[in-house]
Amino acid sequence: MLLRYLPGRAPYPAALLLREERRKLRHKSLDALGVTAREAQIVDYVIRGETNAAIGQALHVSPTTVKKHLDNIYVKLGVRGRGRRTAFVLDILER
């Protein structure tokens, strides 16, 4: 799901656009930011709304390992929190 704020312009009020879309993560865009291939996989799962436990199960690693990868991603992207990271990555991929 993609949620986007559309600012109002007279005479139209502001609005929220909610759109469901499947998007293939462009790992090259993340590579340019210093994110490893494994970290890009994890970001892909986070964007789809998966929990650390579900990501760990899919990638055959522990949820603690997933958390460590996420911590590294936070530092590389300079963002805090799952929501901000997801928004940042989606913005990069749209360019």
Protein backbone atom coordinates (compact mmCIF):
# COMPACT_ATOMS: atom_id res chain seq x y z
CA MET A 1 0.00 0.00 0.00
CA LEU A 2 1.24 3.43 -0.84
CA LEU A 3 -0.07 6.39 1.11
CA ARG A 4 0.67 9.81 -0.27
CA TYR A 5 -0.33 13.26 0.98
CA LEU A 6 -1.54 15.62 -1.73
CA PRO A 7 -1.42 19.23 -0.49
CA GLY A 8 -4.45 21.36 -1.15
CA ARG A 9 -4.50 24.14 -3.71
CA ALA A 10 -7.32 26.63 -3.91
CA PRO A 11 -10.10 25.81 -4.40
CA TYR A 12 -9.34 22.11 -3.76
CA PRO A 13 -8.72 20.71 -0.24
CA ALA A 14 -5.77 18.50 0.70
CA ALA A 15 -6.24 14.77 0.25
CA LEU A 16 -4.68 11.42 1.04
CA LEU A 17 -4.15 9.00 -1.80
CA LEU A 18 -4.10 5.31 -0.88
CA ARG A 19 -2.92 3.01 -3.63
CA GLU A 20 -2.03 -0.65 -3.65
CA GLU A 21 0.82 -1.53 -5.89
CA ARG A 22 3.37 -4.25 -6.24
CA ARG A 23 6.75 -2.97 -7.02
CA LYS A 24 9.98 -4.78 -7.66
CA LEU A 25 12.74 -3.32 -5.56
CA ARG A 26 15.55 -1.87 -7.66
CA HIS A 27 18.56 -3.07 -5.75
CA LYS A 28 20.92 -0.91 -7.83
CA SER A 29 19.32 2.22 -6.35
CA LEU A 30 20.01 0.94 -2.84
CA ASP A 31 23.50 -0.21 -3.80
CA ALA A 32 24.36 3.41 -4.61
CA LEU A 33 23.45 4.22 -0.99
CA GLY A 34 25.84 1.60 0.38
CA VAL A 35 23.17 -0.97 1.20
CA THR A 36 24.34 -4.57 0.71
CA ALA A 37 22.40 -7.09 -1.36
CA ARG A 38 21.21 -8.85 1.82
CA GLU A 39 20.12 -5.56 3.37
CA ALA A 40 18.23 -4.74 0.17
CA GLN A 41 16.40 -8.08 0.48
CA ILE A 42 15.41 -7.17 4.02
CA VAL A 43 14.24 -3.71 2.94
CA ASP A 44 12.10 -5.40 0.28
CA TYR A 45 10.38 -7.50 2.96
CA VAL A 46 9.93 -4.47 5.24
CA ILE A 47 8.26 -2.55 2.41
CA ARG A 48 5.82 -5.45 2.07
CA GLY A 49 5.00 -5.12 5.77
CA GLU A 50 6.71 -8.28 7.03
CA THR A 51 7.79 -8.63 10.66
CA ASN A 52 11.37 -9.37 11.70
CA ALA A 53 10.31 -12.93 12.59
CA ALA A 54 8.72 -13.48 9.16
CA ILE A 55 11.74 -12.00 7.39
CA GLY A 56 14.08 -14.20 9.41
CA GLN A 57 12.06 -17.28 8.55
CA ALA A 58 12.01 -16.43 4.84
CA LEU A 59 15.76 -15.76 4.76
CA HIS A 60 16.71 -18.57 7.18
CA VAL A 61 18.22 -16.25 9.79
CA SER A 62 17.17 -15.30 13.31
CA PRO A 63 14.99 -12.25 14.00
CA THR A 64 17.99 -10.86 15.91
CA THR A 65 20.07 -11.02 12.73
CA VAL A 66 17.29 -9.22 10.85
CA LYS A 67 17.25 -6.53 13.56
CA LYS A 68 21.02 -6.07 13.23
CA HIS A 69 20.70 -5.66 9.46
CA LEU A 70 17.93 -3.10 10.03
CA ASP A 71 20.11 -1.21 12.50
CA ASN A 72 22.87 -1.08 9.86
CA ILE A 73 20.38 0.16 7.27
CA TYR A 74 19.20 2.91 9.65
CA VAL A 75 22.76 4.18 9.92
CA LYS A 76 23.47 3.99 6.18
CA LEU A 77 20.27 5.78 5.20
CA GLY A 78 20.36 8.23 8.09
CA VAL A 79 16.77 7.50 9.09
CA ARG A 80 15.09 6.14 12.21
CA GLY A 81 12.14 3.80 12.28
CA ARG A 82 10.53 1.38 9.88
CA GLY A 83 8.04 3.89 8.46
CA ARG A 84 10.62 6.57 7.72
CA ARG A 85 12.98 4.04 6.15
CA THR A 86 10.21 2.68 3.95
CA ALA A 87 9.18 6.17 2.83
CA PHE A 88 12.81 7.09 2.13
CA VAL A 89 13.42 3.96 0.05
CA LEU A 90 10.21 4.37 -1.93
CA ASP A 91 11.16 7.98 -2.68
CA ILE A 92 14.60 6.85 -3.94
CA LEU A 93 13.05 4.14 -6.12
CA GLU A 94 10.66 6.60 -7.77
CA ARG A 95 13.49 8.75 -9.08
